[in-house]
Amino acid sequence: MKNEATGVKRIFSAYTFSMQGLKACYQSEAAFRQEVWLSFILIPLALYLRDDAIERVLLILPVFLILIIEILNSAIESVVDRIGDEYHPLSGIAKDMGSAAVWLALILFIVIWSIILI
């Protein structure tokens, strides 16, 4: 059994692992890089376009949701690729489901931004 950190040390360790994950995703996934840079435009734009706090939150939320789901999709792809190079139908299904989750998040983004801004 490994020695697990507790308290503040555990929080620092979790933060360190999270930053490593963000860095790995940014370095290895072009789609994530594009979405990160797009978020640097969209989040300030959301703050500028609306005065109402609820509307601002509703505009910003799907931007973060896309980033979160893209990270999870990348994690799924990494695990599937780790298993092996040979084709397996379940591997293809897992990757397709991850991609579908990103696609649905993008649709949600479009719907929310359209409703609030139109």
N, C-alpha and C. Protein backbone atom coordinates (compact mmCIF):
# COMPACT_ATOMS: atom_id res chain seq x y z
N MET A 1 0.84 -1.18 0.00
CA MET A 1 0.00 0.00 0.00
C MET A 1 0.88 1.24 0.00
N LYS A 2 0.58 2.17 -0.89
CA LYS A 2 1.43 3.35 -0.98
C LYS A 2 1.03 4.38 0.08
N ASN A 3 2.01 5.20 0.43
CA ASN A 3 1.81 6.24 1.42
C ASN A 3 1.07 7.42 0.77
N GLU A 4 -0.16 7.65 1.16
CA GLU A 4 -0.96 8.71 0.57
C GLU A 4 -0.84 9.99 1.39
N ALA A 5 -0.69 11.10 0.70
CA ALA A 5 -0.59 12.40 1.35
C ALA A 5 -1.95 12.79 1.93
N THR A 6 -1.91 13.59 2.97
CA THR A 6 -3.14 14.07 3.59
C THR A 6 -3.05 15.58 3.77
N GLY A 7 -4.19 16.19 4.03
CA GLY A 7 -4.24 17.61 4.33
C GLY A 7 -3.74 18.49 3.20
N VAL A 8 -2.96 19.50 3.56
CA VAL A 8 -2.45 20.47 2.60
C VAL A 8 -1.54 19.79 1.57
N LYS A 9 -0.77 18.82 2.00
CA LYS A 9 0.13 18.11 1.08
C LYS A 9 -0.68 17.40 -0.01
N ARG A 10 -1.81 16.82 0.35
CA ARG A 10 -2.67 16.16 -0.61
C ARG A 10 -3.23 17.16 -1.61
N ILE A 11 -3.65 18.33 -1.13
CA ILE A 11 -4.18 19.38 -2.01
C ILE A 11 -3.10 19.84 -2.98
N PHE A 12 -1.88 20.03 -2.48
CA PHE A 12 -0.78 20.45 -3.35
C PHE A 12 -0.47 19.37 -4.38
N SER A 13 -0.49 18.11 -3.97
CA SER A 13 -0.25 17.01 -4.90
C SER A 13 -1.32 16.95 -5.98
N ALA A 14 -2.57 17.11 -5.58
CA ALA A 14 -3.67 17.09 -6.54
C ALA A 14 -3.53 18.24 -7.54
N TYR A 15 -3.16 19.40 -7.03
CA TYR A 15 -2.94 20.56 -7.91
C TYR A 15 -1.81 20.28 -8.91
N THR A 16 -0.72 19.71 -8.42
CA THR A 16 0.42 19.40 -9.28
C THR A 16 0.02 18.42 -10.38
N PHE A 17 -0.70 17.36 -10.01
CA PHE A 17 -1.15 16.38 -11.01
C PHE A 17 -2.11 17.03 -12.02
N SER A 18 -2.97 17.90 -11.53
CA SER A 18 -3.91 18.58 -12.43
C SER A 18 -3.18 19.45 -13.44
N MET A 19 -2.17 20.19 -12.99
CA MET A 19 -1.40 21.03 -13.89
C MET A 19 -0.63 20.19 -14.91
N GLN A 20 -0.13 19.04 -14.47
CA GLN A 20 0.55 18.13 -15.40
C GLN A 20 -0.43 17.63 -16.47
N GLY A 21 -1.66 17.35 -16.05
CA GLY A 21 -2.68 16.91 -17.00
C GLY A 21 -3.04 17.99 -18.00
N LEU A 22 -3.21 19.22 -17.52
CA LEU A 22 -3.50 20.33 -18.43
C LEU A 22 -2.36 20.54 -19.42
N LYS A 23 -1.14 20.49 -18.93
CA LYS A 23 0.03 20.67 -19.78
C LYS A 23 0.10 19.56 -20.83
N ALA A 24 -0.10 18.33 -20.42
CA ALA A 24 -0.05 17.20 -21.35
C ALA A 24 -1.12 17.32 -22.43
N CYS A 25 -2.32 17.70 -22.03
CA CYS A 25 -3.41 17.85 -22.99
C CYS A 25 -3.11 18.99 -23.95
N TYR A 26 -2.62 20.09 -23.43
CA TYR A 26 -2.30 21.24 -24.28
C TYR A 26 -1.21 20.88 -25.29
N GLN A 27 -0.20 20.17 -24.83
CA GLN A 27 0.92 19.83 -25.71
C GLN A 27 0.56 18.78 -26.75
N SER A 28 -0.35 17.87 -26.43
CA SER A 28 -0.61 16.75 -27.32
C SER A 28 -1.88 16.85 -28.15
N GLU A 29 -2.77 17.77 -27.82
CA GLU A 29 -4.07 17.83 -28.49
C GLU A 29 -4.30 19.19 -29.15
N ALA A 30 -4.28 19.22 -30.47
CA ALA A 30 -4.49 20.46 -31.21
C ALA A 30 -5.87 21.06 -30.94
N ALA A 31 -6.88 20.21 -30.86
CA ALA A 31 -8.25 20.71 -30.61
C ALA A 31 -8.31 21.41 -29.26
N PHE A 32 -7.66 20.86 -28.24
CA PHE A 32 -7.67 21.49 -26.92
C PHE A 32 -6.96 22.84 -26.98
N ARG A 33 -5.83 22.91 -27.69
CA ARG A 33 -5.12 24.19 -27.82
C ARG A 33 -6.01 25.23 -28.47
N GLN A 34 -6.72 24.85 -29.53
CA GLN A 34 -7.61 25.78 -30.21
C GLN A 34 -8.72 26.25 -29.28
N GLU A 35 -9.26 25.33 -28.52
CA GLU A 35 -10.36 25.68 -27.60
C GLU A 35 -9.86 26.57 -26.46
N VAL A 36 -8.65 26.34 -26.00
CA VAL A 36 -8.08 27.20 -24.95
C VAL A 36 -7.95 28.63 -25.47
N TRP A 37 -7.36 28.78 -26.65
CA TRP A 37 -7.17 30.13 -27.21
C TRP A 37 -8.51 30.78 -27.52
N LEU A 38 -9.47 30.01 -27.99
CA LEU A 38 -10.80 30.55 -28.23
C LEU A 38 -11.45 31.01 -26.93
N SER A 39 -11.20 30.29 -25.84
CA SER A 39 -11.76 30.68 -24.54
C SER A 39 -11.19 32.01 -24.06
N PHE A 40 -9.94 32.31 -24.44
CA PHE A 40 -9.35 33.60 -24.08
C PHE A 40 -10.07 34.76 -24.77
N ILE A 41 -10.75 34.46 -25.86
CA ILE A 41 -11.55 35.47 -26.56
C ILE A 41 -12.99 35.47 -26.04
N LEU A 42 -13.56 34.27 -25.89
CA LEU A 42 -14.98 34.15 -25.57
C LEU A 42 -15.33 34.58 -24.15
N ILE A 43 -14.47 34.27 -23.18
CA ILE A 43 -14.80 34.62 -21.79
C ILE A 43 -14.83 36.14 -21.59
N PRO A 44 -13.81 36.88 -22.02
CA PRO A 44 -13.92 38.35 -21.92
C PRO A 44 -15.09 38.90 -22.74
N LEU A 45 -15.35 38.28 -23.91
CA LEU A 45 -16.48 38.72 -24.72
C LEU A 45 -17.79 38.53 -23.97
N ALA A 46 -17.94 37.42 -23.29
CA ALA A 46 -19.15 37.17 -22.49
C ALA A 46 -19.31 38.21 -21.40
N LEU A 47 -18.21 38.58 -20.77
CA LEU A 47 -18.26 39.61 -19.72
C LEU A 47 -18.61 40.97 -20.30
N TYR A 48 -18.16 41.24 -21.50
CA TYR A 48 -18.42 42.52 -22.14
C TYR A 48 -19.84 42.62 -22.68
N LEU A 49 -20.35 41.55 -23.25
CA LEU A 49 -21.64 41.59 -23.93
C LEU A 49 -22.84 41.67 -23.00
N ARG A 50 -22.70 41.17 -21.80
CA ARG A 50 -23.84 41.13 -20.89
C ARG A 50 -23.51 41.75 -19.55
N ASP A 51 -24.48 42.50 -19.01
CA ASP A 51 -24.33 43.11 -17.68
C ASP A 51 -24.87 42.22 -16.58
N ASP A 52 -25.84 41.39 -16.94
CA ASP A 52 -26.48 40.51 -15.97
C ASP A 52 -25.55 39.36 -15.60
N ALA A 53 -25.35 39.15 -14.30
CA ALA A 53 -24.42 38.11 -13.83
C ALA A 53 -24.83 36.71 -14.26
N ILE A 54 -26.12 36.43 -14.22
CA ILE A 54 -26.60 35.11 -14.61
C ILE A 54 -26.31 34.84 -16.09
N GLU A 55 -26.56 35.82 -16.92
CA GLU A 55 -26.28 35.65 -18.34
C GLU A 55 -24.78 35.48 -18.59
N ARG A 56 -23.97 36.21 -17.88
CA ARG A 56 -22.51 36.05 -18.01
C ARG A 56 -22.09 34.63 -17.65
N VAL A 57 -22.61 34.13 -16.55
CA VAL A 57 -22.29 32.76 -16.13
C VAL A 57 -22.76 31.76 -17.17
N LEU A 58 -23.96 31.96 -17.69
CA LEU A 58 -24.49 31.04 -18.70
C LEU A 58 -23.70 31.08 -20.00
N LEU A 59 -23.07 32.20 -20.31
CA LEU A 59 -22.23 32.27 -21.50
C LEU A 59 -20.85 31.64 -21.25
N ILE A 60 -20.35 31.78 -20.05
CA ILE A 60 -19.01 31.26 -19.73
C ILE A 60 -19.04 29.75 -19.46
N LEU A 61 -20.09 29.26 -18.84
CA LEU A 61 -20.19 27.85 -18.45
C LEU A 61 -19.92 26.88 -19.60
N PRO A 62 -20.57 27.04 -20.76
CA PRO A 62 -20.31 26.06 -21.83
C PRO A 62 -18.88 26.12 -22.39
N VAL A 63 -18.22 27.27 -22.25
CA VAL A 63 -16.83 27.37 -22.69
C VAL A 63 -15.97 26.44 -21.84
N PHE A 64 -16.16 26.49 -20.52
CA PHE A 64 -15.41 25.59 -19.63
C PHE A 64 -15.84 24.14 -19.82
N LEU A 65 -17.12 23.94 -20.08
CA LEU A 65 -17.61 22.58 -20.30
C LEU A 65 -16.93 21.93 -21.51
N ILE A 66 -16.75 22.69 -22.57
CA ILE A 66 -16.05 22.18 -23.75
C ILE A 66 -14.63 21.77 -23.39
N LEU A 67 -13.93 22.61 -22.63
CA LEU A 67 -12.55 22.30 -22.24
C LEU A 67 -12.50 21.04 -21.37
N ILE A 68 -13.41 20.94 -20.44
CA ILE A 68 -13.45 19.78 -19.54
C ILE A 68 -13.71 18.50 -20.33
N ILE A 69 -14.70 18.54 -21.22
CA ILE A 69 -15.04 17.35 -21.98
C ILE A 69 -13.93 16.98 -22.96
N GLU A 70 -13.26 17.99 -23.51
CA GLU A 70 -12.13 17.71 -24.41
C GLU A 70 -11.00 17.00 -23.66
N ILE A 71 -10.75 17.41 -22.41
CA ILE A 71 -9.74 16.73 -21.60
C ILE A 71 -10.15 15.27 -21.35
N LEU A 72 -11.40 15.05 -21.01
CA LEU A 72 -11.87 13.68 -20.78
C LEU A 72 -11.80 12.84 -22.06
N ASN A 73 -12.15 13.45 -23.19
CA ASN A 73 -12.05 12.75 -24.47
C ASN A 73 -10.59 12.37 -24.75
N SER A 74 -9.68 13.28 -24.49
CA SER A 74 -8.26 13.00 -24.71
C SER A 74 -7.78 11.89 -23.78
N ALA A 75 -8.29 11.87 -22.56
CA ALA A 75 -7.91 10.82 -21.62
C ALA A 75 -8.41 9.46 -22.11
N ILE A 76 -9.63 9.42 -22.61
CA ILE A 76 -10.17 8.17 -23.16
C ILE A 76 -9.31 7.69 -24.32
N GLU A 77 -8.97 8.61 -25.22
CA GLU A 77 -8.15 8.24 -26.38
C GLU A 77 -6.79 7.72 -25.94
N SER A 78 -6.19 8.35 -24.94
CA SER A 78 -4.88 7.91 -24.45
C SER A 78 -4.94 6.50 -23.86
N VAL A 79 -5.97 6.23 -23.09
CA VAL A 79 -6.11 4.91 -22.48
C VAL A 79 -6.34 3.85 -23.56
N VAL A 80 -7.20 4.16 -24.52
CA VAL A 80 -7.46 3.20 -25.60
C VAL A 80 -6.19 2.94 -26.41
N ASP A 81 -5.45 4.01 -26.72
CA ASP A 81 -4.21 3.85 -27.48
C ASP A 81 -3.16 3.08 -26.69
N ARG A 82 -3.18 3.22 -25.39
CA ARG A 82 -2.23 2.51 -24.51
C ARG A 82 -2.44 1.01 -24.56
N ILE A 83 -3.68 0.60 -24.74
CA ILE A 83 -4.02 -0.82 -24.75
C ILE A 83 -3.36 -1.54 -25.92
N GLY A 84 -3.32 -0.90 -27.08
CA GLY A 84 -2.69 -1.54 -28.22
C GLY A 84 -3.03 -0.86 -29.53
N ASP A 85 -2.29 -1.20 -30.56
CA ASP A 85 -2.49 -0.61 -31.87
C ASP A 85 -3.52 -1.35 -32.72
N GLU A 86 -3.79 -2.60 -32.38
CA GLU A 86 -4.72 -3.38 -33.19
C GLU A 86 -6.14 -2.83 -33.02
N TYR A 87 -6.91 -2.94 -34.11
CA TYR A 87 -8.27 -2.43 -34.09
C TYR A 87 -9.16 -3.35 -33.26
N HIS A 88 -9.99 -2.73 -32.46
CA HIS A 88 -11.04 -3.47 -31.74
C HIS A 88 -12.30 -2.60 -31.78
N PRO A 89 -13.45 -3.19 -32.07
CA PRO A 89 -14.68 -2.40 -32.16
C PRO A 89 -14.98 -1.59 -30.90
N LEU A 90 -14.71 -2.14 -29.73
CA LEU A 90 -14.98 -1.40 -28.49
C LEU A 90 -14.07 -0.19 -28.35
N SER A 91 -12.85 -0.30 -28.83
CA SER A 91 -11.94 0.85 -28.80
C SER A 91 -12.48 1.96 -29.69
N GLY A 92 -12.96 1.59 -30.87
CA GLY A 92 -13.54 2.57 -31.77
C GLY A 92 -14.78 3.22 -31.18
N ILE A 93 -15.60 2.42 -30.54
CA ILE A 93 -16.82 2.95 -29.91
C ILE A 93 -16.46 3.92 -28.79
N ALA A 94 -15.48 3.57 -27.96
CA ALA A 94 -15.07 4.44 -26.86
C ALA A 94 -14.58 5.79 -27.39
N LYS A 95 -13.76 5.75 -28.43
CA LYS A 95 -13.25 7.00 -29.01
C LYS A 95 -14.38 7.81 -29.64
N ASP A 96 -15.29 7.13 -30.32
CA ASP A 96 -16.42 7.83 -30.95
C ASP A 96 -17.32 8.47 -29.90
N MET A 97 -17.52 7.80 -28.77
CA MET A 97 -18.35 8.36 -27.70
C MET A 97 -17.71 9.60 -27.10
N GLY A 98 -16.40 9.56 -26.90
CA GLY A 98 -15.70 10.74 -26.41
C GLY A 98 -15.84 11.90 -27.37
N SER A 99 -15.69 11.62 -28.66
CA SER A 99 -15.85 12.65 -29.68
C SER A 99 -17.28 13.19 -29.69
N ALA A 100 -18.25 12.31 -29.53
CA ALA A 100 -19.66 12.73 -29.49
C ALA A 100 -19.93 13.65 -28.29
N ALA A 101 -19.29 13.37 -27.16
CA ALA A 101 -19.46 14.23 -25.99
C ALA A 101 -18.95 15.64 -26.26
N VAL A 102 -17.80 15.75 -26.94
CA VAL A 102 -17.28 17.07 -27.30
C VAL A 102 -18.24 17.76 -28.26
N TRP A 103 -18.73 17.02 -29.23
CA TRP A 103 -19.65 17.59 -30.21
C TRP A 103 -20.92 18.12 -29.53
N LEU A 104 -21.46 17.35 -28.59
CA LEU A 104 -22.66 17.80 -27.87
C LEU A 104 -22.38 19.05 -27.04
N ALA A 105 -21.19 19.13 -26.45
CA ALA A 105 -20.83 20.34 -25.69
C ALA A 105 -20.75 21.55 -26.62
N LEU A 106 -20.23 21.35 -27.83
CA LEU A 106 -20.17 22.45 -28.80
C LEU A 106 -21.58 22.88 -29.22
N ILE A 107 -22.47 21.91 -29.41
CA ILE A 107 -23.87 22.24 -29.74
C ILE A 107 -24.50 23.03 -28.60
N LEU A 108 -24.27 22.59 -27.36
CA LEU A 108 -24.79 23.30 -26.20
C LEU A 108 -24.28 24.73 -26.17
N PHE A 109 -23.00 24.91 -26.46
CA PHE A 109 -22.41 26.24 -26.51
C PHE A 109 -23.15 27.11 -27.53
N ILE A 110 -23.35 26.58 -28.73
CA ILE A 110 -24.03 27.34 -29.78
C ILE A 110 -25.45 27.68 -29.37
N VAL A 111 -26.17 26.74 -28.81
CA VAL A 111 -27.55 26.98 -28.40
C VAL A 111 -27.62 28.06 -27.32
N ILE A 112 -26.80 27.94 -26.29
CA ILE A 112 -26.84 28.90 -25.19
C ILE A 112 -26.46 30.30 -25.67
N TRP A 113 -25.37 30.41 -26.41
CA TRP A 113 -24.94 31.72 -26.90
C TRP A 113 -25.99 32.31 -27.84
N SER A 114 -26.60 31.49 -28.67
CA SER A 114 -27.63 31.99 -29.58
C SER A 114 -28.84 32.49 -28.83
N ILE A 115 -29.31 31.74 -27.87
CA ILE A 115 -30.49 32.14 -27.10
C ILE A 115 -30.24 33.44 -26.35
N ILE A 116 -29.10 33.55 -25.69
CA ILE A 116 -28.83 34.72 -24.86
C ILE A 116 -28.54 35.96 -25.72
N LEU A 117 -27.82 35.77 -26.80
CA LEU A 117 -27.42 36.94 -27.60
C LEU A 117 -28.45 37.36 -28.63
N ILE A 118 -29.38 36.47 -28.96
CA ILE A 118 -30.41 36.85 -29.97
C ILE A 118 -31.68 37.16 -29.28
